[in-house]
C-alpha cells in the first residue's frame, strides 16, 4: 500500500491558489532596473551580470551592444 506524501507549503493544485506568490509585473521590473542604473551608474556592470545569461551576453557582444 502506497503512503501518500504530506502536503507542504509548496504543494499546489492546478488553478488559483491564494498562497501562490506572484512576481512583479514586467513593467515594474524594467522601471526598477532603470531607477537603479540612474541612481547608481557604477553598479551597471554588476546588474547586467546578474540579469543576463552567458548566451545573452554573447549575443550582445556579437551585435556590438556595449552592455
PDB file of N, CA and C in Angstrom:
ATOM      1  N   UNK A   1       0.847  -1.184   0.000  1.00  0.00           N
ATOM      2  CA  UNK A   1       0.000   0.000   0.000  1.00  0.00           C
ATOM      3  C   UNK A   1       0.891   1.245   0.000  1.00  0.00           C
ATOM      4  N   UNK A   2       0.602   2.152  -0.938  1.00  0.00           N
ATOM      5  CA  UNK A   2       1.409   3.379  -1.032  1.00  0.00           C
ATOM      6  C   UNK A   2       0.977   4.386   0.019  1.00  0.00           C
ATOM      7  N   UNK A   3       1.977   4.992   0.632  1.00  0.00           N
ATOM      8  CA  UNK A   3       1.680   6.074   1.570  1.00  0.00           C
ATOM      9  C   UNK A   3       1.632   7.378   0.812  1.00  0.00           C
ATOM     10  N   UNK A   4       0.642   8.159   1.072  1.00  0.00           N
ATOM     11  CA  UNK A   4       0.530   9.454   0.425  1.00  0.00           C
ATOM     12  C   UNK A   4       1.407  10.456   1.154  1.00  0.00           C
ATOM     13  N   UNK A   5       2.132  11.242   0.363  1.00  0.00           N
ATOM     14  CA  UNK A   5       3.012  12.240   0.958  1.00  0.00           C
ATOM     15  C   UNK A   5       2.198  13.381   1.542  1.00  0.00           C
ATOM     16  N   UNK A   6       2.675  13.890   2.648  1.00  0.00           N
ATOM     17  CA  UNK A   6       2.001  15.005   3.297  1.00  0.00           C
ATOM     18  C   UNK A   6       2.220  16.286   2.486  1.00  0.00           C
ATOM     19  N   UNK A   7       1.171  17.042   2.275  1.00  0.00           N
ATOM     20  CA  UNK A   7       1.286  18.297   1.531  1.00  0.00           C
ATOM     21  C   UNK A   7       2.104  19.294   2.339  1.00  0.00           C
ATOM     22  N   UNK A   8       2.994  20.011   1.646  1.00  0.00           N
ATOM     23  CA  UNK A   8       3.806  21.026   2.304  1.00  0.00           C
ATOM     24  C   UNK A   8       3.442  22.397   1.746  1.00  0.00           C
ATOM     25  N   UNK A   9       4.171  23.410   2.149  1.00  0.00           N
ATOM     26  CA  UNK A   9       3.832  24.774   1.736  1.00  0.00           C
ATOM     27  C   UNK A   9       3.971  24.976   0.232  1.00  0.00           C
ATOM     28  N   UNK A  10       4.793  24.191  -0.428  1.00  0.00           N
ATOM     29  CA  UNK A  10       4.987  24.339  -1.858  1.00  0.00           C
ATOM     30  C   UNK A  10       4.067  23.460  -2.684  1.00  0.00           C
ATOM     31  N   UNK A  11       3.096  22.851  -2.079  1.00  0.00           N
ATOM     32  CA  UNK A  11       2.189  21.920  -2.741  1.00  0.00           C
ATOM     33  C   UNK A  11       0.989  22.691  -3.279  1.00  0.00           C
ATOM     34  N   UNK A  12       0.859  22.740  -4.599  1.00  0.00           N
ATOM     35  CA  UNK A  12      -0.245  23.487  -5.198  1.00  0.00           C
ATOM     36  C   UNK A  12      -1.036  22.608  -6.149  1.00  0.00           C
ATOM     37  N   UNK A  13      -2.309  22.824  -6.194  1.00  0.00           N
ATOM     38  CA  UNK A  13      -3.146  22.172  -7.188  1.00  0.00           C
ATOM     39  C   UNK A  13      -3.279  23.130  -8.368  1.00  0.00           C
ATOM     40  N   UNK A  14      -3.674  22.604  -9.514  1.00  0.00           N
ATOM     41  CA  UNK A  14      -3.864  23.458 -10.680  1.00  0.00           C
ATOM     42  C   UNK A  14      -4.971  24.464 -10.400  1.00  0.00           C
ATOM     43  N   UNK A  15      -4.819  25.639 -11.007  1.00  0.00           N
ATOM     44  CA  UNK A  15      -5.813  26.688 -10.810  1.00  0.00           C
ATOM     45  C   UNK A  15      -5.354  27.714  -9.788  1.00  0.00           C
ATOM     46  N   UNK A  16      -6.271  28.569  -9.402  1.00  0.00           N
ATOM     47  CA  UNK A  16      -5.947  29.667  -8.486  1.00  0.00           C
ATOM     48  C   UNK A  16      -5.682  29.149  -7.081  1.00  0.00           C
ATOM     49  N   UNK A  17      -4.647  29.640  -6.476  1.00  0.00           N
ATOM     50  CA  UNK A  17      -4.324  29.321  -5.087  1.00  0.00           C
ATOM     51  C   UNK A  17      -3.821  30.612  -4.449  1.00  0.00           C
ATOM     52  N   UNK A  18      -4.504  31.119  -3.429  1.00  0.00           N
ATOM     53  CA  UNK A  18      -4.104  32.404  -2.840  1.00  0.00           C
ATOM     54  C   UNK A  18      -2.716  32.366  -2.209  1.00  0.00           C
ATOM     55  N   UNK A  19      -2.188  31.181  -1.906  1.00  0.00           N
ATOM     56  CA  UNK A  19      -0.850  31.099  -1.318  1.00  0.00           C
ATOM     57  C   UNK A  19       0.240  31.273  -2.357  1.00  0.00           C
ATOM     58  N   UNK A  20      -0.117  31.101  -3.615  1.00  0.00           N
ATOM     59  CA  UNK A  20       0.889  31.164  -4.671  1.00  0.00           C
ATOM     60  C   UNK A  20       1.400  32.597  -4.795  1.00  0.00           C
ATOM     61  N   UNK A  21       2.701  32.720  -4.807  1.00  0.00           N
ATOM     62  CA  UNK A  21       3.305  34.046  -4.896  1.00  0.00           C
ATOM     63  C   UNK A  21       3.326  34.526  -6.331  1.00  0.00           C
ATOM     64  N   UNK A  22       3.000  35.762  -6.536  1.00  0.00           N
ATOM     65  CA  UNK A  22       3.068  36.368  -7.860  1.00  0.00           C
ATOM     66  C   UNK A  22       4.263  37.309  -7.882  1.00  0.00           C
ATOM     67  N   UNK A  23       4.999  37.281  -8.969  1.00  0.00           N
ATOM     68  CA  UNK A  23       6.145  38.168  -9.109  1.00  0.00           C
ATOM     69  C   UNK A  23       5.704  39.568  -9.502  1.00  0.00           C
ATOM     70  N   UNK A  24       6.661  40.433  -9.652  1.00  0.00           N
ATOM     71  CA  UNK A  24       6.365  41.783 -10.092  1.00  0.00           C
ATOM     72  C   UNK A  24       6.025  41.760 -11.579  1.00  0.00           C
ATOM     73  N   UNK A  25       5.156  42.664 -12.023  1.00  0.00           N
ATOM     74  CA  UNK A  25       4.888  42.734 -13.469  1.00  0.00           C
ATOM     75  C   UNK A  25       6.134  43.205 -14.211  1.00  0.00           C
ATOM     76  N   UNK A  26       6.200  42.873 -15.476  1.00  0.00           N
ATOM     77  CA  UNK A  26       7.395  43.177 -16.275  1.00  0.00           C
ATOM     78  C   UNK A  26       7.692  44.679 -16.294  1.00  0.00           C
ATOM     79  N   UNK A  27       6.654  45.514 -16.384  1.00  0.00           N
ATOM     80  CA  UNK A  27       6.889  46.959 -16.453  1.00  0.00           C
ATOM     81  C   UNK A  27       7.522  47.460 -15.151  1.00  0.00           C
ATOM     82  N   UNK A  28       7.149  46.890 -14.013  1.00  0.00           N
ATOM     83  CA  UNK A  28       7.720  47.320 -12.742  1.00  0.00           C
ATOM     84  C   UNK A  28       9.187  46.903 -12.635  1.00  0.00           C
ATOM     85  N   UNK A  29       9.513  45.720 -13.154  1.00  0.00           N
ATOM     86  CA  UNK A  29      10.908  45.278 -13.135  1.00  0.00           C
ATOM     87  C   UNK A  29      11.780  46.180 -13.996  1.00  0.00           C
ATOM     88  N   UNK A  30      11.272  46.538 -15.170  1.00  0.00           N
ATOM     89  CA  UNK A  30      12.041  47.414 -16.057  1.00  0.00           C
ATOM     90  C   UNK A  30      12.249  48.787 -15.432  1.00  0.00           C
ATOM     91  N   UNK A  31      11.187  49.304 -14.828  1.00  0.00           N
ATOM     92  CA  UNK A  31      11.284  50.619 -14.195  1.00  0.00           C
ATOM     93  C   UNK A  31      12.290  50.588 -13.035  1.00  0.00           C
ATOM     94  N   UNK A  32      12.257  49.536 -12.232  1.00  0.00           N
ATOM     95  CA  UNK A  32      13.192  49.407 -11.123  1.00  0.00           C
ATOM     96  C   UNK A  32      14.631  49.310 -11.596  1.00  0.00           C
ATOM     97  N   UNK A  33      14.841  48.601 -12.707  1.00  0.00           N
ATOM     98  CA  UNK A  33      16.191  48.483 -13.255  1.00  0.00           C
ATOM     99  C   UNK A  33      16.694  49.846 -13.701  1.00  0.00           C
ATOM    100  N   UNK A  34      15.839  50.603 -14.395  1.00  0.00           N
ATOM    101  CA  UNK A  34      16.248  51.943 -14.855  1.00  0.00           C
ATOM    102  C   UNK A  34      16.570  52.859 -13.681  1.00  0.00           C
ATOM    103  N   UNK A  35      15.759  52.804 -12.645  1.00  0.00           N
ATOM    104  CA  UNK A  35      15.999  53.646 -11.465  1.00  0.00           C
ATOM    105  C   UNK A  35      17.329  53.266 -10.817  1.00  0.00           C
ATOM    106  N   UNK A  36      17.600  51.967 -10.711  1.00  0.00           N
ATOM    107  CA  UNK A  36      18.859  51.524 -10.105  1.00  0.00           C
ATOM    108  C   UNK A  36      20.055  52.009 -10.913  1.00  0.00           C
ATOM    109  N   UNK A  37      19.972  51.935 -12.237  1.00  0.00           N
ATOM    110  CA  UNK A  37      21.082  52.372 -13.085  1.00  0.00           C
ATOM    111  C   UNK A  37      21.265  53.882 -13.000  1.00  0.00           C
ATOM    112  N   UNK A  38      20.165  54.630 -12.942  1.00  0.00           N
ATOM    113  CA  UNK A  38      20.275  56.093 -12.858  1.00  0.00           C
ATOM    114  C   UNK A  38      20.868  56.534 -11.508  1.00  0.00           C
ATOM    115  N   UNK A  39      20.434  55.897 -10.447  1.00  0.00           N
ATOM    116  CA  UNK A  39      20.917  56.289  -9.127  1.00  0.00           C
ATOM    117  C   UNK A  39      22.335  55.790  -8.842  1.00  0.00           C
ATOM    118  N   UNK A  40      22.669  54.633  -9.378  1.00  0.00           N
ATOM    119  CA  UNK A  40      23.966  54.012  -9.093  1.00  0.00           C
ATOM    120  C   UNK A  40      24.608  53.531 -10.396  1.00  0.00           C
ATOM    121  N   UNK A  41      25.094  54.436 -11.227  1.00  0.00           N
ATOM    122  CA  UNK A  41      25.648  54.021 -12.526  1.00  0.00           C
ATOM    123  C   UNK A  41      26.862  53.107 -12.404  1.00  0.00           C
ATOM    124  N   UNK A  42      27.575  53.178 -11.305  1.00  0.00           N
ATOM    125  CA  UNK A  42      28.741  52.314 -11.130  1.00  0.00           C
ATOM    126  C   UNK A  42      28.346  50.845 -10.936  1.00  0.00           C
ATOM    127  N   UNK A  43      27.071  50.583 -10.677  1.00  0.00           N
ATOM    128  CA  UNK A  43      26.607  49.214 -10.486  1.00  0.00           C
ATOM    129  C   UNK A  43      26.074  48.573 -11.765  1.00  0.00           C
ATOM    130  N   UNK A  44      26.137  49.281 -12.892  1.00  0.00           N
ATOM    131  CA  UNK A  44      25.562  48.759 -14.136  1.00  0.00           C
ATOM    132  C   UNK A  44      26.175  47.419 -14.524  1.00  0.00           C
ATOM    133  N   UNK A  45      27.477  47.306 -14.438  1.00  0.00           N
ATOM    134  CA  UNK A  45      28.132  46.048 -14.826  1.00  0.00           C
ATOM    135  C   UNK A  45      27.672  44.894 -13.937  1.00  0.00           C
ATOM    136  N   UNK A  46      27.566  45.146 -12.638  1.00  0.00           N
ATOM    137  CA  UNK A  46      27.121  44.107 -11.716  1.00  0.00           C
ATOM    138  C   UNK A  46      25.670  43.722 -11.992  1.00  0.00           C
ATOM    139  N   UNK A  47      24.822  44.741 -12.229  1.00  0.00           N
ATOM    140  CA  UNK A  47      23.416  44.464 -12.526  1.00  0.00           C
ATOM    141  C   UNK A  47      23.273  43.636 -13.803  1.00  0.00           C
ATOM    142  N   UNK A  48      24.021  43.986 -14.826  1.00  0.00           N
ATOM    143  CA  UNK A  48      23.929  43.251 -16.082  1.00  0.00           C
ATOM    144  C   UNK A  48      24.397  41.812 -15.895  1.00  0.00           C
ATOM    145  N   UNK A  49      25.428  41.608 -15.084  1.00  0.00           N
ATOM    146  CA  UNK A  49      25.901  40.243 -14.836  1.00  0.00           C
ATOM    147  C   UNK A  49      24.845  39.422 -14.111  1.00  0.00           C
ATOM    148  N   UNK A  50      24.083  40.060 -13.256  1.00  0.00           N
ATOM    149  CA  UNK A  50      23.040  39.349 -12.517  1.00  0.00           C
ATOM    150  C   UNK A  50      21.869  38.972 -13.413  1.00  0.00           C
ATOM    151  N   UNK A  51      21.536  39.815 -14.385  1.00  0.00           N
ATOM    152  CA  UNK A  51      20.329  39.611 -15.169  1.00  0.00           C
ATOM    153  C   UNK A  51      20.543  38.866 -16.470  1.00  0.00           C
ATOM    154  N   UNK A  52      21.752  38.851 -16.961  1.00  0.00           N
ATOM    155  CA  UNK A  52      21.972  38.247 -18.269  1.00  0.00           C
ATOM    156  C   UNK A  52      22.651  36.887 -18.144  1.00  0.00           C
ATOM    157  N   UNK A  53      22.235  35.977 -18.958  1.00  0.00           N
ATOM    158  CA  UNK A  53      22.897  34.678 -19.001  1.00  0.00           C
ATOM    159  C   UNK A  53      24.073  34.778 -19.964  1.00  0.00           C
ATOM    160  N   UNK A  54      24.895  33.773 -19.984  1.00  0.00           N
ATOM    161  CA  UNK A  54      26.044  33.767 -20.886  1.00  0.00           C
ATOM    162  C   UNK A  54      25.636  33.868 -22.339  1.00  0.00           C
ATOM    163  N   UNK A  55      24.531  33.222 -22.694  1.00  0.00           N
ATOM    164  CA  UNK A  55      24.066  33.267 -24.077  1.00  0.00           C
ATOM    165  C   UNK A  55      23.670  34.693 -24.472  1.00  0.00           C
ATOM    166  N   UNK A  56      22.987  35.386 -23.565  1.00  0.00           N
ATOM    167  CA  UNK A  56      22.578  36.758 -23.862  1.00  0.00           C
ATOM    168  C   UNK A  56      23.793  37.674 -23.982  1.00  0.00           C
ATOM    169  N   UNK A  57      24.771  37.480 -23.113  1.00  0.00           N
ATOM    170  CA  UNK A  57      25.983  38.301 -23.183  1.00  0.00           C
ATOM    171  C   UNK A  57      26.689  38.096 -24.521  1.00  0.00           C
ATOM    172  N   UNK A  58      26.776  36.837 -24.938  1.00  0.00           N
ATOM    173  CA  UNK A  58      27.448  36.530 -26.200  1.00  0.00           C
ATOM    174  C   UNK A  58      26.706  37.166 -27.373  1.00  0.00           C
ATOM    175  N   UNK A  59      25.389  37.107 -27.380  1.00  0.00           N
ATOM    176  CA  UNK A  59      24.603  37.726 -28.461  1.00  0.00           C
ATOM    177  C   UNK A  59      24.817  39.232 -28.504  1.00  0.00           C
ATOM    178  N   UNK A  60      24.860  39.874 -27.353  1.00  0.00           N
ATOM    179  CA  UNK A  60      25.058  41.324 -27.317  1.00  0.00           C
ATOM    180  C   UNK A  60      26.473  41.686 -27.790  1.00  0.00           C
ATOM    181  N   UNK A  61      27.466  40.903 -27.370  1.00  0.00           N
ATOM    182  CA  UNK A  61      28.842  41.162 -27.783  1.00  0.00           C
ATOM    183  C   UNK A  61      28.973  41.031 -29.291  1.00  0.00           C
ATOM    184  N   UNK A  62      28.343  40.018 -29.871  1.00  0.00           N
ATOM    185  CA  UNK A  62      28.396  39.832 -31.323  1.00  0.00           C
ATOM    186  C   UNK A  62      27.656  40.940 -32.062  1.00  0.00           C
ATOM    187  N   UNK A  63      26.606  41.475 -31.440  1.00  0.00           N
ATOM    188  CA  UNK A  63      25.822  42.537 -32.077  1.00  0.00           C
ATOM    189  C   UNK A  63      26.457  43.914 -31.884  1.00  0.00           C
ATOM    190  N   UNK A  64      27.449  44.004 -30.988  1.00  0.00           N
ATOM    191  CA  UNK A  64      28.124  45.280 -30.776  1.00  0.00           C
ATOM    192  C   UNK A  64      27.450  46.172 -29.747  1.00  0.00           C
ATOM    193  N   UNK A  65      26.543  45.598 -28.927  1.00  0.00           N
ATOM    194  CA  UNK A  65      25.894  46.389 -27.890  1.00  0.00           C
ATOM    195  C   UNK A  65      26.889  46.542 -26.735  1.00  0.00           C
ATOM    196  N   UNK A  66      27.132  47.760 -26.233  1.00  0.00           N
ATOM    197  CA  UNK A  66      28.173  47.991 -25.231  1.00  0.00           C
ATOM    198  C   UNK A  66      27.943  47.308 -23.899  1.00  0.00           C
ATOM    199  N   UNK A  67      26.722  46.977 -23.546  1.00  0.00           N
ATOM    200  CA  UNK A  67      26.484  46.346 -22.256  1.00  0.00           C
ATOM    201  C   UNK A  67      25.885  44.996 -22.474  1.00  0.00           C
TER     202      UNK A  67
END
